[in-house]
Amino acid sequence: MTPQDQSAAARDLAGRAPVIPVLVLDDVAHARPLAEALVAGGLPALEVTLRTPAALDCIRAMAQVEGGIVGAGTLLTPSDVKAAKAAGAKFGVSPGATDTLLQACVDEDLPLLPGAATATEAMALLEKGWDMLKFFPAEASGGAPALKGIGAPIPQVAWCPTGGVSPANKDAYLGLSNVVCVGGSWVAPKAAMASGDWAEIEGLARAAAG
């Protein structure tokens, strides 16, 4: 899978819904019902961040949910990529991009949303064949105005902003011509997961899906 193929695949899954849930999971028991609630609410692409010991087991459980497309976030190393792919991840997301990580995703046929926050980073990735990127950390990097500014001279790059995106500002991002979707954690509140209130999470997903 070439970088161009990877970006085409990533753009396709990013276009399935306006929001990709960014999930930090500590309990594998939450994985399947959480995925079922989010998919039922209209958010099929799910990013499980590799920030907890339970993350890979959660990806394995979510990969069994019909209609869901589970991916692994916080990919930093080739070993992360291999472990995510082996667990059933269908795509990957990284906070930044290194040549080693990019090559690992090509080698493993794992479509990647590589992170970038500047015009220079976007140009470097575009030069290598990637044109569907993650804008991270979105709010700390200037928010929607910054991404609009980057998009003016580099319109061929599409983005998924993540980091500080919320119901209050998501529409500012989604209104930009170079934004396909946003990533956000608000659709899966920790309190709702802890109490098993999957109906609340489905409702939040439905509202996010528009």
C-alpha atoms as a PDB file:
ATOM      1  CA  MET A   1       0.000   0.000   0.000  1.00  0.00           C
ATOM      2  CA  THR A   2       1.605   3.252  -1.145  1.00  0.00           C
ATOM      3  CA  PRO A   3       1.313   6.515   0.802  1.00  0.00           C
ATOM      4  CA  GLN A   4      -1.188   7.678  -1.808  1.00  0.00           C
ATOM      5  CA  ASP A   5      -3.261   4.520  -1.290  1.00  0.00           C
ATOM      6  CA  GLN A   6      -3.014   4.983   2.485  1.00  0.00           C
ATOM      7  CA  SER A   7      -4.251   8.543   2.282  1.00  0.00           C
ATOM      8  CA  ALA A   8      -7.119   7.545  -0.018  1.00  0.00           C
ATOM      9  CA  ALA A   9      -8.173   4.844   2.458  1.00  0.00           C
ATOM     10  CA  ALA A  10      -7.834   7.222   5.410  1.00  0.00           C
ATOM     11  CA  ARG A  11      -9.841   9.900   3.620  1.00  0.00           C
ATOM     12  CA  ASP A  12     -12.580   7.375   2.887  1.00  0.00           C
ATOM     13  CA  LEU A  13     -12.964   6.276   6.503  1.00  0.00           C
ATOM     14  CA  ALA A  14     -12.682   9.875   7.751  1.00  0.00           C
ATOM     15  CA  GLY A  15     -15.571  10.790   5.486  1.00  0.00           C
ATOM     16  CA  ARG A  16     -17.937   8.214   7.011  1.00  0.00           C
ATOM     17  CA  ALA A  17     -19.024  10.646   9.745  1.00  0.00           C
ATOM     18  CA  PRO A  18     -18.136  14.190  10.887  1.00  0.00           C
ATOM     19  CA  VAL A  19     -16.564  12.961  14.139  1.00  0.00           C
ATOM     20  CA  ILE A  20     -14.062  10.215  14.961  1.00  0.00           C
ATOM     21  CA  PRO A  21     -14.325   9.386  18.676  1.00  0.00           C
ATOM     22  CA  VAL A  22     -10.923   9.516  20.388  1.00  0.00           C
ATOM     23  CA  LEU A  23     -11.097   6.894  23.125  1.00  0.00           C
ATOM     24  CA  VAL A  24      -8.893   6.332  26.170  1.00  0.00           C
ATOM     25  CA  LEU A  25      -9.974   3.028  27.706  1.00  0.00           C
ATOM     26  CA  ASP A  26      -8.853   1.463  30.978  1.00  0.00           C
ATOM     27  CA  ASP A  27     -11.362  -1.401  31.131  1.00  0.00           C
ATOM     28  CA  VAL A  28     -11.733  -3.927  28.325  1.00  0.00           C
ATOM     29  CA  ALA A  29     -15.266  -4.685  29.567  1.00  0.00           C
ATOM     30  CA  HIS A  30     -16.288  -1.265  28.276  1.00  0.00           C
ATOM     31  CA  ALA A  31     -14.925  -1.807  24.778  1.00  0.00           C
ATOM     32  CA  ARG A  32     -17.659  -3.746  23.019  1.00  0.00           C
ATOM     33  CA  PRO A  33     -20.719  -1.948  24.469  1.00  0.00           C
ATOM     34  CA  LEU A  34     -18.992   1.401  23.875  1.00  0.00           C
ATOM     35  CA  ALA A  35     -18.297   0.552  20.252  1.00  0.00           C
ATOM     36  CA  GLU A  36     -21.853  -0.711  19.766  1.00  0.00           C
ATOM     37  CA  ALA A  37     -23.270   2.534  21.199  1.00  0.00           C
ATOM     38  CA  LEU A  38     -21.056   4.768  19.066  1.00  0.00           C
ATOM     39  CA  VAL A  39     -21.740   2.808  15.871  1.00  0.00           C
ATOM     40  CA  ALA A  40     -25.486   2.787  16.599  1.00  0.00           C
ATOM     41  CA  GLY A  41     -25.286   6.555  17.023  1.00  0.00           C
ATOM     42  CA  GLY A  42     -23.759   6.963  13.573  1.00  0.00           C
ATOM     43  CA  LEU A  43     -20.017   7.125  14.304  1.00  0.00           C
ATOM     44  CA  PRO A  44     -18.428   4.039  12.711  1.00  0.00           C
ATOM     45  CA  ALA A  45     -14.721   5.000  12.778  1.00  0.00           C
ATOM     46  CA  LEU A  46     -13.300   4.664  16.302  1.00  0.00           C
ATOM     47  CA  GLU A  47      -9.820   5.623  17.467  1.00  0.00           C
ATOM     48  CA  VAL A  48      -8.531   3.761  20.525  1.00  0.00           C
ATOM     49  CA  THR A  49      -5.429   5.516  21.806  1.00  0.00           C
ATOM     50  CA  LEU A  50      -2.507   3.334  22.845  1.00  0.00           C
ATOM     51  CA  ARG A  51      -2.191   5.161  26.158  1.00  0.00           C
ATOM     52  CA  THR A  52      -3.369   2.439  28.524  1.00  0.00           C
ATOM     53  CA  PRO A  53      -2.444  -1.197  29.166  1.00  0.00           C
ATOM     54  CA  ALA A  54      -5.933  -2.241  28.070  1.00  0.00           C
ATOM     55  CA  ALA A  55      -5.813  -0.506  24.679  1.00  0.00           C
ATOM     56  CA  LEU A  56      -4.843  -3.454  22.479  1.00  0.00           C
ATOM     57  CA  ASP A  57      -7.369  -5.772  24.134  1.00  0.00           C
ATOM     58  CA  CYS A  58     -10.014  -3.073  23.621  1.00  0.00           C
ATOM     59  CA  ILE A  59      -9.127  -2.900  19.921  1.00  0.00           C
ATOM     60  CA  ARG A  60      -9.518  -6.691  19.694  1.00  0.00           C
ATOM     61  CA  ALA A  61     -12.971  -6.499  21.275  1.00  0.00           C
ATOM     62  CA  MET A  62     -14.119  -3.538  19.182  1.00  0.00           C
ATOM     63  CA  ALA A  63     -12.924  -5.185  15.970  1.00  0.00           C
ATOM     64  CA  GLN A  64     -15.749  -7.713  16.433  1.00  0.00           C
ATOM     65  CA  VAL A  65     -18.495  -5.074  16.381  1.00  0.00           C
ATOM     66  CA  GLU A  66     -20.468  -5.111  13.153  1.00  0.00           C
ATOM     67  CA  GLY A  67     -20.399  -1.809  11.282  1.00  0.00           C
ATOM     68  CA  GLY A  68     -17.456  -0.459  13.242  1.00  0.00           C
ATOM     69  CA  ILE A  69     -14.016   0.460  11.921  1.00  0.00           C
ATOM     70  CA  VAL A  70     -11.577   0.458  14.813  1.00  0.00           C
ATOM     71  CA  GLY A  71      -8.219   2.174  14.615  1.00  0.00           C
ATOM     72  CA  ALA A  72      -5.251   2.703  16.898  1.00  0.00           C
ATOM     73  CA  GLY A  73      -4.189   6.154  18.007  1.00  0.00           C
ATOM     74  CA  THR A  74      -0.939   7.414  19.527  1.00  0.00           C
ATOM     75  CA  LEU A  75       1.194   5.289  17.195  1.00  0.00           C
ATOM     76  CA  LEU A  76       4.817   6.203  17.911  1.00  0.00           C
ATOM     77  CA  THR A  77       6.984   3.249  16.847  1.00  0.00           C
ATOM     78  CA  PRO A  78       7.017   0.370  14.349  1.00  0.00           C
ATOM     79  CA  SER A  79       6.249  -2.006  17.222  1.00  0.00           C
ATOM     80  CA  ASP A  80       3.116   0.025  17.970  1.00  0.00           C
ATOM     81  CA  VAL A  81       2.069  -0.367  14.336  1.00  0.00           C
ATOM     82  CA  LYS A  82       2.631  -4.131  14.325  1.00  0.00           C
ATOM     83  CA  ALA A  83       0.806  -4.621  17.614  1.00  0.00           C
ATOM     84  CA  ALA A  84      -2.142  -2.494  16.477  1.00  0.00           C
ATOM     85  CA  LYS A  85      -2.461  -4.347  13.187  1.00  0.00           C
ATOM     86  CA  ALA A  86      -2.245  -7.720  14.942  1.00  0.00           C
ATOM     87  CA  ALA A  87      -5.004  -6.641  17.347  1.00  0.00           C
ATOM     88  CA  GLY A  88      -7.358  -5.881  14.452  1.00  0.00           C
ATOM     89  CA  ALA A  89      -6.876  -2.162  13.869  1.00  0.00           C
ATOM     90  CA  LYS A  90      -7.966  -1.051  10.394  1.00  0.00           C
ATOM     91  CA  PHE A  91      -6.239   2.327  10.526  1.00  0.00           C
ATOM     92  CA  GLY A  92      -3.728   4.237  12.608  1.00  0.00           C
ATOM     93  CA  VAL A  93      -3.357   7.766  13.931  1.00  0.00           C
ATOM     94  CA  SER A  94      -0.142   9.404  15.103  1.00  0.00           C
ATOM     95  CA  PRO A  95       0.522  12.708  16.896  1.00  0.00           C
ATOM     96  CA  GLY A  96       3.346  13.473  14.489  1.00  0.00           C
ATOM     97  CA  ALA A  97       5.254  11.698  11.740  1.00  0.00           C
ATOM     98  CA  THR A  98       8.699  10.159  11.351  1.00  0.00           C
ATOM     99  CA  ASP A  99      10.091   8.357   8.340  1.00  0.00           C
ATOM    100  CA  THR A 100      10.378   5.180  10.421  1.00  0.00           C
ATOM    101  CA  LEU A 101       6.729   5.288  11.473  1.00  0.00           C
ATOM    102  CA  LEU A 102       5.499   6.108   7.976  1.00  0.00           C
ATOM    103  CA  GLN A 103       7.452   3.189   6.508  1.00  0.00           C
ATOM    104  CA  ALA A 104       6.142   0.825   9.184  1.00  0.00           C
ATOM    105  CA  CYS A 105       2.571   1.679   8.241  1.00  0.00           C
ATOM    106  CA  VAL A 106       3.359   1.139   4.560  1.00  0.00           C
ATOM    107  CA  ASP A 107       4.983  -2.211   5.383  1.00  0.00           C
ATOM    108  CA  GLU A 108       2.009  -3.317   7.490  1.00  0.00           C
ATOM    109  CA  ASP A 109      -0.638  -2.009   5.053  1.00  0.00           C
ATOM    110  CA  LEU A 110      -2.141   0.085   7.853  1.00  0.00           C
ATOM    111  CA  PRO A 111      -3.719   3.323   6.567  1.00  0.00           C
ATOM    112  CA  LEU A 112      -2.358   6.197   8.635  1.00  0.00           C
ATOM    113  CA  LEU A 113      -3.506   9.664   9.633  1.00  0.00           C
ATOM    114  CA  PRO A 114      -0.107  11.226  10.364  1.00  0.00           C
ATOM    115  CA  GLY A 115      -0.047  14.272  12.601  1.00  0.00           C
ATOM    116  CA  ALA A 116       1.106  17.722  11.498  1.00  0.00           C
ATOM    117  CA  ALA A 117       0.673  21.212  12.904  1.00  0.00           C
ATOM    118  CA  THR A 118       2.522  23.501  10.492  1.00  0.00           C
ATOM    119  CA  ALA A 119       2.711  24.272   6.787  1.00  0.00           C
ATOM    120  CA  THR A 120       6.242  22.861   6.681  1.00  0.00           C
ATOM    121  CA  GLU A 121       5.140  19.555   8.204  1.00  0.00           C
ATOM    122  CA  ALA A 122       2.190  19.363   5.817  1.00  0.00           C
ATOM    123  CA  MET A 123       4.462  20.065   2.830  1.00  0.00           C
ATOM    124  CA  ALA A 124       6.940  17.403   3.932  1.00  0.00           C
ATOM    125  CA  LEU A 125       4.200  14.781   4.221  1.00  0.00           C
ATOM    126  CA  LEU A 126       2.606  15.819   0.933  1.00  0.00           C
ATOM    127  CA  GLU A 127       5.997  15.465  -0.753  1.00  0.00           C
ATOM    128  CA  LYS A 128       6.084  11.857   0.482  1.00  0.00           C
ATOM    129  CA  GLY A 129       2.587  11.094  -0.767  1.00  0.00           C
ATOM    130  CA  TRP A 130       0.391  11.731   2.265  1.00  0.00           C
ATOM    131  CA  ASP A 131      -2.461  14.193   1.723  1.00  0.00           C
ATOM    132  CA  MET A 132      -4.918  13.211   4.505  1.00  0.00           C
ATOM    133  CA  LEU A 133      -3.473  14.415   7.809  1.00  0.00           C
ATOM    134  CA  LYS A 134      -4.320  14.923  11.461  1.00  0.00           C
ATOM    135  CA  PHE A 135      -4.059  18.529  12.671  1.00  0.00           C
ATOM    136  CA  PHE A 136      -2.684  18.164  16.188  1.00  0.00           C
ATOM    137  CA  PRO A 137      -2.840  19.644  18.750  1.00  0.00           C
ATOM    138  CA  ALA A 138      -5.564  21.601  17.008  1.00  0.00           C
ATOM    139  CA  GLU A 139      -6.569  24.255  19.528  1.00  0.00           C
ATOM    140  CA  ALA A 140      -3.048  24.746  20.888  1.00  0.00           C
ATOM    141  CA  SER A 141      -1.792  25.191  17.314  1.00  0.00           C
ATOM    142  CA  GLY A 142      -4.132  28.073  16.550  1.00  0.00           C
ATOM    143  CA  GLY A 143      -7.440  26.336  15.988  1.00  0.00           C
ATOM    144  CA  ALA A 144      -9.662  26.740  12.959  1.00  0.00           C
ATOM    145  CA  PRO A 145      -8.105  30.100  11.897  1.00  0.00           C
ATOM    146  CA  ALA A 146      -4.659  28.481  11.722  1.00  0.00           C
ATOM    147  CA  LEU A 147      -5.930  25.526   9.723  1.00  0.00           C
ATOM    148  CA  LYS A 148      -7.761  27.855   7.352  1.00  0.00           C
ATOM    149  CA  GLY A 149      -4.502  29.751   6.883  1.00  0.00           C
ATOM    150  CA  ILE A 150      -2.543  26.570   6.147  1.00  0.00           C
ATOM    151  CA  GLY A 151      -5.226  25.431   3.723  1.00  0.00           C
ATOM    152  CA  ALA A 152      -5.068  28.516   1.537  1.00  0.00           C
ATOM    153  CA  PRO A 153      -1.669  27.722  -0.044  1.00  0.00           C
ATOM    154  CA  ILE A 154      -1.913  23.925   0.428  1.00  0.00           C
ATOM    155  CA  PRO A 155      -5.500  23.109  -0.600  1.00  0.00           C
ATOM    156  CA  GLN A 156      -4.660  19.575  -1.733  1.00  0.00           C
ATOM    157  CA  VAL A 157      -4.140  18.447   1.870  1.00  0.00           C
ATOM    158  CA  ALA A 158      -7.238  17.360   3.829  1.00  0.00           C
ATOM    159  CA  TRP A 159      -7.376  17.291   7.612  1.00  0.00           C
ATOM    160  CA  CYS A 160      -8.879  15.753  10.721  1.00  0.00           C
ATOM    161  CA  PRO A 161      -8.319  18.257  13.571  1.00  0.00           C
ATOM    162  CA  THR A 162      -7.866  16.690  17.011  1.00  0.00           C
ATOM    163  CA  GLY A 163      -6.886  18.105  20.381  1.00  0.00           C
ATOM    164  CA  GLY A 164      -9.203  20.463  22.182  1.00  0.00           C
ATOM    165  CA  VAL A 165     -12.054  19.931  19.714  1.00  0.00           C
ATOM    166  CA  SER A 166     -15.458  20.112  21.405  1.00  0.00           C
ATOM    167  CA  PRO A 167     -19.136  20.632  20.600  1.00  0.00           C
ATOM    168  CA  ALA A 168     -18.504  24.359  21.058  1.00  0.00           C
ATOM    169  CA  ASN A 169     -15.878  24.645  18.316  1.00  0.00           C
ATOM    170  CA  LYS A 170     -16.302  21.606  16.068  1.00  0.00           C
ATOM    171  CA  ASP A 171     -18.478  23.459  13.568  1.00  0.00           C
ATOM    172  CA  ALA A 172     -15.762  26.062  13.060  1.00  0.00           C
ATOM    173  CA  TYR A 173     -13.476  23.271  11.890  1.00  0.00           C
ATOM    174  CA  LEU A 174     -16.091  21.352   9.931  1.00  0.00           C
ATOM    175  CA  GLY A 175     -16.975  24.532   8.061  1.00  0.00           C
ATOM    176  CA  LEU A 176     -13.494  24.669   6.502  1.00  0.00           C
ATOM    177  CA  SER A 177     -13.137  23.342   2.963  1.00  0.00           C
ATOM    178  CA  ASN A 178      -9.989  21.381   3.880  1.00  0.00           C
ATOM    179  CA  VAL A 179     -11.519  19.536   6.866  1.00  0.00           C
ATOM    180  CA  VAL A 180     -13.084  16.097   6.350  1.00  0.00           C
ATOM    181  CA  CYS A 181     -13.923  15.354   9.993  1.00  0.00           C
ATOM    182  CA  VAL A 182     -12.779  16.097  13.534  1.00  0.00           C
ATOM    183  CA  GLY A 183     -11.570  13.870  16.345  1.00  0.00           C
ATOM    184  CA  GLY A 184     -12.997  14.296  19.821  1.00  0.00           C
ATOM    185  CA  SER A 185     -13.403  12.551  23.149  1.00  0.00           C
ATOM    186  CA  TRP A 186     -16.606  14.233  24.348  1.00  0.00           C
ATOM    187  CA  VAL A 187     -18.835  11.516  22.862  1.00  0.00           C
ATOM    188  CA  ALA A 188     -17.526   9.002  25.416  1.00  0.00           C
ATOM    189  CA  PRO A 189     -17.508  10.653  28.862  1.00  0.00           C
ATOM    190  CA  LYS A 190     -15.678   8.670  31.525  1.00  0.00           C
ATOM    191  CA  ALA A 191     -18.622   8.976  33.920  1.00  0.00           C
ATOM    192  CA  ALA A 192     -21.022   7.475  31.386  1.00  0.00           C
ATOM    193  CA  MET A 193     -18.645   4.595  30.685  1.00  0.00           C
ATOM    194  CA  ALA A 194     -18.111   3.930  34.385  1.00  0.00           C
ATOM    195  CA  SER A 195     -21.850   3.760  34.993  1.00  0.00           C
ATOM    196  CA  GLY A 196     -22.567   1.764  31.839  1.00  0.00           C
ATOM    197  CA  ASP A 197     -24.845   4.468  30.456  1.00  0.00           C
ATOM    198  CA  TRP A 198     -24.487   3.376  26.859  1.00  0.00           C
ATOM    199  CA  ALA A 199     -27.760   5.095  25.937  1.00  0.00           C
ATOM    200  CA  GLU A 200     -26.242   8.453  26.874  1.00  0.00           C
ATOM    201  CA  ILE A 201     -23.206   7.726  24.735  1.00  0.00           C
ATOM    202  CA  GLU A 202     -25.367   6.664  21.803  1.00  0.00           C
ATOM    203  CA  GLY A 203     -27.267   9.944  22.149  1.00  0.00           C
ATOM    204  CA  LEU A 204     -24.044  11.956  22.174  1.00  0.00           C
ATOM    205  CA  ALA A 205     -22.853  10.073  19.104  1.00  0.00           C
ATOM    206  CA  ARG A 206     -26.145  10.716  17.318  1.00  0.00           C
ATOM    207  CA  ALA A 207     -25.875  14.435  18.066  1.00  0.00           C
ATOM    208  CA  ALA A 208     -22.265  14.500  16.858  1.00  0.00           C
ATOM    209  CA  ALA A 209     -23.142  12.621  13.689  1.00  0.00           C
ATOM    210  CA  GLY A 210     -25.673  15.307  12.866  1.00  0.00           C
END
